[in-house]
C-alpha atoms as a PDB file:
ATOM      1  CA  UNK A   1      22.046  -1.809   9.635  1.00  0.00           C
ATOM      2  CA  UNK A   2      18.260  -0.354  10.349  1.00  0.00           C
ATOM      3  CA  UNK A   3      15.298  -0.886   8.163  1.00  0.00           C
ATOM      4  CA  UNK A   4      12.683   1.737   8.076  1.00  0.00           C
ATOM      5  CA  UNK A   5       9.484   1.425   6.824  1.00  0.00           C
ATOM      6  CA  UNK A   6       7.358   4.106   5.157  1.00  0.00           C
ATOM      7  CA  UNK A   7       3.772   4.543   4.206  1.00  0.00           C
ATOM      8  CA  UNK A   8       3.008   6.673   1.366  1.00  0.00           C
ATOM      9  CA  UNK A   9      -0.306   8.707   1.673  1.00  0.00           C
ATOM     10  CA  UNK A  10      -0.571  10.886   4.959  1.00  0.00           C
ATOM     11  CA  UNK A  11       2.920   9.998   5.829  1.00  0.00           C
ATOM     12  CA  UNK A  12       5.483  10.787   3.127  1.00  0.00           C
ATOM     13  CA  UNK A  13       3.189  12.435   0.908  1.00  0.00           C
ATOM     14  CA  UNK A  14      -0.188  14.555   0.752  1.00  0.00           C
ATOM     15  CA  UNK A  15      -1.874  15.975  -2.046  1.00  0.00           C
ATOM     16  CA  UNK A  16      -1.852  19.493  -0.808  1.00  0.00           C
ATOM     17  CA  UNK A  17       2.011  19.498  -0.170  1.00  0.00           C
ATOM     18  CA  UNK A  18       3.219  16.552  -2.334  1.00  0.00           C
ATOM     19  CA  UNK A  19       6.683  15.093  -0.800  1.00  0.00           C
ATOM     20  CA  UNK A  20       8.652  17.799   1.037  1.00  0.00           C
ATOM     21  CA  UNK A  21      12.394  18.166   0.133  1.00  0.00           C
ATOM     22  CA  UNK A  22      13.306  17.985   3.646  1.00  0.00           C
ATOM     23  CA  UNK A  23      11.766  14.441   3.670  1.00  0.00           C
ATOM     24  CA  UNK A  24      13.673  13.446   0.487  1.00  0.00           C
ATOM     25  CA  UNK A  25      16.825  14.762   1.933  1.00  0.00           C
ATOM     26  CA  UNK A  26      16.478  12.765   5.308  1.00  0.00           C
ATOM     27  CA  UNK A  27      15.564   9.599   3.524  1.00  0.00           C
ATOM     28  CA  UNK A  28      18.864   9.819   1.601  1.00  0.00           C
ATOM     29  CA  UNK A  29      20.921  10.967   4.747  1.00  0.00           C
ATOM     30  CA  UNK A  30      19.690   7.965   6.410  1.00  0.00           C
ATOM     31  CA  UNK A  31      20.641   5.710   3.724  1.00  0.00           C
ATOM     32  CA  UNK A  32      24.184   7.073   3.534  1.00  0.00           C
ATOM     33  CA  UNK A  33      24.632   5.950   7.281  1.00  0.00           C
ATOM     34  CA  UNK A  34      24.010   2.438   5.864  1.00  0.00           C
ATOM     35  CA  UNK A  35      20.388   1.771   6.757  1.00  0.00           C
ATOM     36  CA  UNK A  36      17.650   0.705   4.375  1.00  0.00           C
ATOM     37  CA  UNK A  37      14.522   2.363   3.598  1.00  0.00           C
ATOM     38  CA  UNK A  38      11.483   0.862   2.408  1.00  0.00           C
ATOM     39  CA  UNK A  39       7.840   1.743   1.287  1.00  0.00           C
ATOM     40  CA  UNK A  40       5.212  -0.094   2.974  1.00  0.00           C
ATOM     41  CA  UNK A  41       2.016   0.719   0.950  1.00  0.00           C
ATOM     42  CA  UNK A  42      -1.398  -0.720   0.144  1.00  0.00           C
ATOM     43  CA  UNK A  43      -0.533   0.351  -3.403  1.00  0.00           C
ATOM     44  CA  UNK A  44       0.748  -2.055  -6.158  1.00  0.00           C
ATOM     45  CA  UNK A  45       3.819  -0.971  -7.995  1.00  0.00           C
ATOM     46  CA  UNK A  46       1.839   0.303 -10.617  1.00  0.00           C
ATOM     47  CA  UNK A  47       0.505   2.685  -8.249  1.00  0.00           C
ATOM     48  CA  UNK A  48       3.614   3.977  -7.065  1.00  0.00           C
ATOM     49  CA  UNK A  49       4.235   7.481  -8.611  1.00  0.00           C
ATOM     50  CA  UNK A  50       7.564   8.672 -10.274  1.00  0.00           C
ATOM     51  CA  UNK A  51       8.026  11.127  -7.446  1.00  0.00           C
ATOM     52  CA  UNK A  52       8.071   8.303  -5.055  1.00  0.00           C
ATOM     53  CA  UNK A  53      10.288   6.144  -7.091  1.00  0.00           C
ATOM     54  CA  UNK A  54      12.743   8.802  -7.823  1.00  0.00           C
ATOM     55  CA  UNK A  55      13.419   8.866  -3.934  1.00  0.00           C
ATOM     56  CA  UNK A  56      15.671   5.675  -4.265  1.00  0.00           C
ATOM     57  CA  UNK A  57      13.895   3.484  -2.031  1.00  0.00           C
ATOM     58  CA  UNK A  58      15.664   0.167  -1.239  1.00  0.00           C
ATOM     59  CA  UNK A  59      12.744  -1.914  -1.500  1.00  0.00           C
ATOM     60  CA  UNK A  60       8.981  -2.088  -1.526  1.00  0.00           C
ATOM     61  CA  UNK A  61       6.317  -3.908   0.599  1.00  0.00           C
ATOM     62  CA  UNK A  62       3.346  -3.671  -1.822  1.00  0.00           C
ATOM     63  CA  UNK A  63      -0.223  -4.389  -1.891  1.00  0.00           C
ATOM     64  CA  UNK A  64      -0.522  -4.549   1.976  1.00  0.00           C
ATOM     65  CA  UNK A  65       2.204  -7.097   1.951  1.00  0.00           C
ATOM     66  CA  UNK A  66       1.096  -8.930  -1.294  1.00  0.00           C
ATOM     67  CA  UNK A  67       4.196  -8.425  -3.435  1.00  0.00           C
ATOM     68  CA  UNK A  68       7.937  -7.609  -1.727  1.00  0.00           C
ATOM     69  CA  UNK A  69      10.632  -6.405  -4.194  1.00  0.00           C
ATOM     70  CA  UNK A  70      13.796  -5.300  -3.388  1.00  0.00           C
ATOM     71  CA  UNK A  71      16.936  -4.223  -5.813  1.00  0.00           C
ATOM     72  CA  UNK A  72      14.512  -4.326  -8.575  1.00  0.00           C
ATOM     73  CA  UNK A  73      13.470  -8.109  -7.910  1.00  0.00           C
ATOM     74  CA  UNK A  74      10.422  -9.565  -6.647  1.00  0.00           C
ATOM     75  CA  UNK A  75      11.098 -11.700  -3.506  1.00  0.00           C
ATOM     76  CA  UNK A  76       7.687 -12.830  -2.879  1.00  0.00           C
ATOM     77  CA  UNK A  77       4.097 -12.245  -4.004  1.00  0.00           C
ATOM     78  CA  UNK A  78       0.550 -13.802  -3.391  1.00  0.00           C
ATOM     79  CA  UNK A  79      -1.938 -14.173  -5.883  1.00  0.00           C
ATOM     80  CA  UNK A  80      -5.508 -14.209  -5.535  1.00  0.00           C
ATOM     81  CA  UNK A  81      -7.490 -17.577  -5.673  1.00  0.00           C
ATOM     82  CA  UNK A  82      -8.167 -17.981  -9.257  1.00  0.00           C
ATOM     83  CA  UNK A  83     -11.572 -19.820  -9.531  1.00  0.00           C
ATOM     84  CA  UNK A  84     -13.122 -18.054  -6.505  1.00  0.00           C
ATOM     85  CA  UNK A  85     -11.909 -14.594  -7.478  1.00  0.00           C
ATOM     86  CA  UNK A  86     -13.365 -15.222 -11.256  1.00  0.00           C
ATOM     87  CA  UNK A  87     -16.861 -15.893  -9.685  1.00  0.00           C
ATOM     88  CA  UNK A  88     -16.663 -12.575  -7.851  1.00  0.00           C
ATOM     89  CA  UNK A  89     -15.850 -10.730 -10.927  1.00  0.00           C
ATOM     90  CA  UNK A  90     -18.777 -12.297 -12.742  1.00  0.00           C
ATOM     91  CA  UNK A  91     -20.672 -11.169  -9.746  1.00  0.00           C
ATOM     92  CA  UNK A  92     -19.418  -7.486  -9.959  1.00  0.00           C
ATOM     93  CA  UNK A  93     -20.143  -7.679 -13.721  1.00  0.00           C
ATOM     94  CA  UNK A  94     -23.667  -8.629 -12.981  1.00  0.00           C
ATOM     95  CA  UNK A  95     -24.025  -5.822 -10.373  1.00  0.00           C
ATOM     96  CA  UNK A  96     -22.572  -3.065 -12.718  1.00  0.00           C
ATOM     97  CA  UNK A  97     -19.618  -2.644 -10.145  1.00  0.00           C
ATOM     98  CA  UNK A  98     -16.377  -1.193 -11.669  1.00  0.00           C
ATOM     99  CA  UNK A  99     -13.016  -3.156 -10.582  1.00  0.00           C
ATOM    100  CA  UNK A 100      -9.398  -3.089 -10.951  1.00  0.00           C
ATOM    101  CA  UNK A 101      -6.980  -5.901 -11.116  1.00  0.00           C
ATOM    102  CA  UNK A 102      -3.473  -5.139  -9.720  1.00  0.00           C
ATOM    103  CA  UNK A 103      -0.502  -7.405 -10.600  1.00  0.00           C
ATOM    104  CA  UNK A 104       3.278  -7.177  -9.732  1.00  0.00           C
ATOM    105  CA  UNK A 105       3.828  -4.672 -12.548  1.00  0.00           C
ATOM    106  CA  UNK A 106       0.535  -3.221 -14.024  1.00  0.00           C
ATOM    107  CA  UNK A 107      -2.929  -2.533 -13.317  1.00  0.00           C
ATOM    108  CA  UNK A 108      -5.851  -3.347 -15.410  1.00  0.00           C
ATOM    109  CA  UNK A 109      -9.101  -1.146 -15.461  1.00  0.00           C
ATOM    110  CA  UNK A 110     -11.805  -1.224 -18.326  1.00  0.00           C
ATOM    111  CA  UNK A 111     -12.379   1.900 -20.082  1.00  0.00           C
ATOM    112  CA  UNK A 112     -15.855   2.258 -18.945  1.00  0.00           C
ATOM    113  CA  UNK A 113     -15.062   2.702 -15.468  1.00  0.00           C
ATOM    114  CA  UNK A 114     -15.857   6.567 -15.012  1.00  0.00           C
ATOM    115  CA  UNK A 115     -15.925   6.514 -11.239  1.00  0.00           C
ATOM    116  CA  UNK A 116     -12.550   4.658 -10.680  1.00  0.00           C
ATOM    117  CA  UNK A 117     -10.496   6.922 -13.325  1.00  0.00           C
ATOM    118  CA  UNK A 118     -11.830   9.971 -11.803  1.00  0.00           C
ATOM    119  CA  UNK A 119     -10.583   8.670  -7.943  1.00  0.00           C
ATOM    120  CA  UNK A 120      -7.172   7.686  -9.385  1.00  0.00           C
ATOM    121  CA  UNK A 121      -6.359  10.884 -11.218  1.00  0.00           C
ATOM    122  CA  UNK A 122      -6.476  12.575  -7.716  1.00  0.00           C
ATOM    123  CA  UNK A 123      -4.272   9.963  -6.138  1.00  0.00           C
ATOM    124  CA  UNK A 124      -0.728  10.551  -7.361  1.00  0.00           C
ATOM    125  CA  UNK A 125      -0.186   7.935  -9.539  1.00  0.00           C
ATOM    126  CA  UNK A 126       0.912   7.418 -13.108  1.00  0.00           C
ATOM    127  CA  UNK A 127      -2.225   6.845 -14.960  1.00  0.00           C
ATOM    128  CA  UNK A 128      -0.132   5.304 -18.011  1.00  0.00           C
ATOM    129  CA  UNK A 129       0.218   2.328 -15.786  1.00  0.00           C
ATOM    130  CA  UNK A 130      -3.602   1.518 -16.241  1.00  0.00           C
ATOM    131  CA  UNK A 131      -4.192  -0.929 -18.992  1.00  0.00           C
ATOM    132  CA  UNK A 132      -7.466  -1.241 -20.517  1.00  0.00           C
ATOM    133  CA  UNK A 133      -6.906  -3.657 -23.463  1.00  0.00           C
ATOM    134  CA  UNK A 134      -6.320  -6.865 -21.841  1.00  0.00           C
ATOM    135  CA  UNK A 135      -7.624 -10.644 -21.643  1.00  0.00           C
ATOM    136  CA  UNK A 136      -9.449 -11.298 -18.411  1.00  0.00           C
ATOM    137  CA  UNK A 137      -8.406 -14.788 -17.779  1.00  0.00           C
ATOM    138  CA  UNK A 138      -4.602 -14.100 -18.305  1.00  0.00           C
ATOM    139  CA  UNK A 139      -4.526 -11.065 -15.675  1.00  0.00           C
ATOM    140  CA  UNK A 140      -6.691 -13.023 -13.254  1.00  0.00           C
ATOM    141  CA  UNK A 141      -4.026 -15.723 -13.046  1.00  0.00           C
ATOM    142  CA  UNK A 142      -1.267 -13.017 -12.072  1.00  0.00           C
ATOM    143  CA  UNK A 143      -3.713 -10.707  -9.848  1.00  0.00           C
ATOM    144  CA  UNK A 144      -2.470  -9.865  -6.393  1.00  0.00           C
ATOM    145  CA  UNK A 145      -4.931  -7.448  -5.395  1.00  0.00           C
ATOM    146  CA  UNK A 146      -8.230  -6.482  -6.595  1.00  0.00           C
ATOM    147  CA  UNK A 147     -10.186  -3.132  -6.037  1.00  0.00           C
ATOM    148  CA  UNK A 148     -13.968  -2.977  -6.614  1.00  0.00           C
ATOM    149  CA  UNK A 149     -16.015   0.096  -6.712  1.00  0.00           C
ATOM    150  CA  UNK A 150     -19.622  -0.353  -5.600  1.00  0.00           C
ATOM    151  CA  UNK A 151     -22.669   1.963  -6.030  1.00  0.00           C
ATOM    152  CA  UNK A 152     -22.907   5.535  -4.224  1.00  0.00           C
ATOM    153  CA  UNK A 153     -25.028   5.304  -1.490  1.00  0.00           C
ATOM    154  CA  UNK A 154     -24.282   1.488  -0.838  1.00  0.00           C
ATOM    155  CA  UNK A 155     -21.989   0.062   1.924  1.00  0.00           C
ATOM    156  CA  UNK A 156     -20.429  -3.012   0.353  1.00  0.00           C
ATOM    157  CA  UNK A 157     -22.170  -5.664   2.625  1.00  0.00           C
ATOM    158  CA  UNK A 158     -23.157  -7.747  -0.627  1.00  0.00           C
ATOM    159  CA  UNK A 159     -19.460  -7.998  -1.309  1.00  0.00           C
ATOM    160  CA  UNK A 160     -18.214  -8.426   2.075  1.00  0.00           C
ATOM    161  CA  UNK A 161     -20.507 -11.339   2.421  1.00  0.00           C
ATOM    162  CA  UNK A 162     -18.607 -13.231  -0.290  1.00  0.00           C
ATOM    163  CA  UNK A 163     -15.101 -12.374   0.962  1.00  0.00           C
ATOM    164  CA  UNK A 164     -14.405 -15.053   3.939  1.00  0.00           C
ATOM    165  CA  UNK A 165     -11.642 -16.344   2.070  1.00  0.00           C
ATOM    166  CA  UNK A 166      -9.976 -13.006   1.599  1.00  0.00           C
ATOM    167  CA  UNK A 167      -8.117 -10.399   3.306  1.00  0.00           C
ATOM    168  CA  UNK A 168     -10.193  -7.054   2.633  1.00  0.00           C
ATOM    169  CA  UNK A 169     -10.505  -3.364   3.700  1.00  0.00           C
ATOM    170  CA  UNK A 170     -13.824  -1.646   3.114  1.00  0.00           C
ATOM    171  CA  UNK A 171     -13.710   2.224   2.643  1.00  0.00           C
ATOM    172  CA  UNK A 172     -17.407   3.346   2.607  1.00  0.00           C
ATOM    173  CA  UNK A 173     -16.174   6.852   2.142  1.00  0.00           C
ATOM    174  CA  UNK A 174     -15.246   6.107  -1.341  1.00  0.00           C
ATOM    175  CA  UNK A 175     -17.457   2.968  -1.929  1.00  0.00           C
ATOM    176  CA  UNK A 176     -14.367   0.813  -2.360  1.00  0.00           C
ATOM    177  CA  UNK A 177     -13.448  -2.621  -1.180  1.00  0.00           C
ATOM    178  CA  UNK A 178      -9.795  -3.643  -1.465  1.00  0.00           C
ATOM    179  CA  UNK A 179      -9.532  -7.428  -1.808  1.00  0.00           C
ATOM    180  CA  UNK A 180      -6.206  -9.572  -1.230  1.00  0.00           C
ATOM    181  CA  UNK A 181      -5.120 -12.964  -0.468  1.00  0.00           C
ATOM    182  CA  UNK A 182      -6.026 -14.108   2.896  1.00  0.00           C
ATOM    183  CA  UNK A 183      -2.565 -14.452   3.848  1.00  0.00           C
ATOM    184  CA  UNK A 184      -1.632 -10.988   2.845  1.00  0.00           C
ATOM    185  CA  UNK A 185      -0.613  -8.459   5.654  1.00  0.00           C
ATOM    186  CA  UNK A 186       2.068  -5.326   5.708  1.00  0.00           C
ATOM    187  CA  UNK A 187       3.301  -7.160   8.856  1.00  0.00           C
ATOM    188  CA  UNK A 188       4.067 -10.369   7.187  1.00  0.00           C
ATOM    189  CA  UNK A 189       5.464  -8.677   4.316  1.00  0.00           C
ATOM    190  CA  UNK A 190       7.916  -6.644   6.520  1.00  0.00           C
ATOM    191  CA  UNK A 191       8.976  -9.847   8.214  1.00  0.00           C
ATOM    192  CA  UNK A 192       9.995 -11.019   4.806  1.00  0.00           C
ATOM    193  CA  UNK A 193      11.756  -8.429   4.017  1.00  0.00           C
ATOM    194  CA  UNK A 194      14.021  -8.398   7.617  1.00  0.00           C
ATOM    195  CA  UNK A 195      14.605 -12.159   6.911  1.00  0.00           C
ATOM    196  CA  UNK A 196      15.902 -11.317   3.281  1.00  0.00           C
ATOM    197  CA  UNK A 197      18.212  -8.872   4.868  1.00  0.00           C
ATOM    198  CA  UNK A 198      18.835 -11.099   7.992  1.00  0.00           C
ATOM    199  CA  UNK A 199      17.719  -8.246  10.327  1.00  0.00           C
ATOM    200  CA  UNK A 200      16.034  -8.642  13.920  1.00  0.00           C
ATOM    201  CA  UNK A 201      12.770  -7.022  14.694  1.00  0.00           C
ATOM    202  CA  UNK A 202      14.402  -4.656  17.157  1.00  0.00           C
ATOM    203  CA  UNK A 203      16.272  -3.193  14.289  1.00  0.00           C
ATOM    204  CA  UNK A 204      12.857  -2.291  12.348  1.00  0.00           C
ATOM    205  CA  UNK A 205      10.886   1.211  12.435  1.00  0.00           C
ATOM    206  CA  UNK A 206       7.799   2.504  10.510  1.00  0.00           C
ATOM    207  CA  UNK A 207       6.269   5.612   9.845  1.00  0.00           C
ATOM    208  CA  UNK A 208       2.377   5.049   9.194  1.00  0.00           C
ATOM    209  CA  UNK A 209      -1.077   7.022   9.768  1.00  0.00           C
ATOM    210  CA  UNK A 210      -4.080   4.859   8.611  1.00  0.00           C
ATOM    211  CA  UNK A 211      -5.813   1.540   9.151  1.00  0.00           C
ATOM    212  CA  UNK A 212      -3.699  -0.493   7.169  1.00  0.00           C
ATOM    213  CA  UNK A 213      -0.656   0.379   9.105  1.00  0.00           C
ATOM    214  CA  UNK A 214      -1.809  -1.049  12.298  1.00  0.00           C
ATOM    215  CA  UNK A 215      -0.592  -4.792  11.465  1.00  0.00           C
ATOM    216  CA  UNK A 216       2.723  -2.830  10.453  1.00  0.00           C
ATOM    217  CA  UNK A 217       2.737  -1.122  13.938  1.00  0.00           C
ATOM    218  CA  UNK A 218       2.177  -4.531  15.410  1.00  0.00           C
ATOM    219  CA  UNK A 219       5.374  -6.120  13.754  1.00  0.00           C
ATOM    220  CA  UNK A 220       8.297  -3.761  13.722  1.00  0.00           C
ATOM    221  CA  UNK A 221      10.243  -2.629  16.955  1.00  0.00           C
ATOM    222  CA  UNK A 222       9.697   0.838  16.811  1.00  0.00           C
ATOM    223  CA  UNK A 223       6.351   1.902  15.321  1.00  0.00           C
ATOM    224  CA  UNK A 224       5.927   5.923  14.855  1.00  0.00           C
ATOM    225  CA  UNK A 225       2.683   7.363  14.312  1.00  0.00           C
ATOM    226  CA  UNK A 226       2.102  10.752  12.649  1.00  0.00           C
ATOM    227  CA  UNK A 227       0.126  13.458  14.688  1.00  0.00           C
ATOM    228  CA  UNK A 228      -2.454  13.305  11.653  1.00  0.00           C
ATOM    229  CA  UNK A 229      -3.011   9.339  12.041  1.00  0.00           C
ATOM    230  CA  UNK A 230      -6.253   7.997  12.742  1.00  0.00           C
ATOM    231  CA  UNK A 231      -6.669   7.877  16.985  1.00  0.00           C
ATOM    232  CA  UNK A 232      -6.467   4.001  16.835  1.00  0.00           C
ATOM    233  CA  UNK A 233      -3.086   3.836  15.656  1.00  0.00           C
ATOM    234  CA  UNK A 234      -1.608   6.068  18.539  1.00  0.00           C
ATOM    235  CA  UNK A 235      -2.601   2.806  20.763  1.00  0.00           C
ATOM    236  CA  UNK A 236       0.035   1.074  18.900  1.00  0.00           C
ATOM    237  CA  UNK A 237       2.791   3.652  18.793  1.00  0.00           C
ATOM    238  CA  UNK A 238       6.004   3.872  20.797  1.00  0.00           C
ATOM    239  CA  UNK A 239       6.519   7.508  19.309  1.00  0.00           C
ATOM    240  CA  UNK A 240       4.037  10.123  17.937  1.00  0.00           C
ATOM    241  CA  UNK A 241       6.074  12.746  15.468  1.00  0.00           C
ATOM    242  CA  UNK A 242       4.635  15.792  14.158  1.00  0.00           C
ATOM    243  CA  UNK A 243       2.229  15.599  11.188  1.00  0.00           C
ATOM    244  CA  UNK A 244       2.973  15.297   7.396  1.00  0.00           C
ATOM    245  CA  UNK A 245       2.205  19.218   6.840  1.00  0.00           C
ATOM    246  CA  UNK A 246       5.144  20.010   9.423  1.00  0.00           C
ATOM    247  CA  UNK A 247       7.768  17.566   8.231  1.00  0.00           C
ATOM    248  CA  UNK A 248       6.960  14.762  10.754  1.00  0.00           C
ATOM    249  CA  UNK A 249       9.308  12.278   8.796  1.00  0.00           C
ATOM    250  CA  UNK A 250      12.081  14.514   8.455  1.00  0.00           C
ATOM    251  CA  UNK A 251      12.260  15.833  11.838  1.00  0.00           C
ATOM    252  CA  UNK A 252      11.962  12.357  13.730  1.00  0.00           C
ATOM    253  CA  UNK A 253      14.743  10.623  11.161  1.00  0.00           C
ATOM    254  CA  UNK A 254      16.890  13.368  12.136  1.00  0.00           C
ATOM    255  CA  UNK A 255      16.110  12.917  15.821  1.00  0.00           C
ATOM    256  CA  UNK A 256      16.640   8.910  15.754  1.00  0.00           C
ATOM    257  CA  UNK A 257      19.570   8.557  13.231  1.00  0.00           C
END
């Protein structure tokens, strides 16, 4: 049995083409051979769209490793430190920053968050999973990831100086910071999944294209970069396949298995 981990955006999915039937068919063929296929994404479960869930993956490494689930059950999750994150949210409120709290099931976003609603509407997510009627304290206690949208023209430095005790990724092109438990990483999440299935590192493969995939590439036995990946990914890949627009995942699965 082999374990294959797939990033979503830029790997199996692109907004211009969706998910190709060839990719879906190859994932199903690989599963029928007795292998396990998993999503490994920065997205929480609430951001996994129905067209991804419908493929029938064997499990998910979500929120950059902050939530691990298989067979419909959570096997591990890492919440944010409550007191420190409460102060961080208070700072966001003071600055007028929009933010979304992500848990192992749903995502919580205030109604008066126009920039975030506009952004997520373009991200192939189920907008019905965005809850705007909630109690802050109750949700904060189960939050595994926080995303903050700072103001246009800023670089997020005021937020970053408050994140020494977190794992975070700054996306200045979208004026967005993703904030997770400091122990969070895709690589650690993958190791937990491999341990759950009693598989060796050499039995693991992954496909990815972005900066949050680097840790995953350093972890698995056979890291595969999409041709459309950022150049830094290439240095950590053992294989470079065709890009997402030319069924790179489908063609490489067919070659490997």
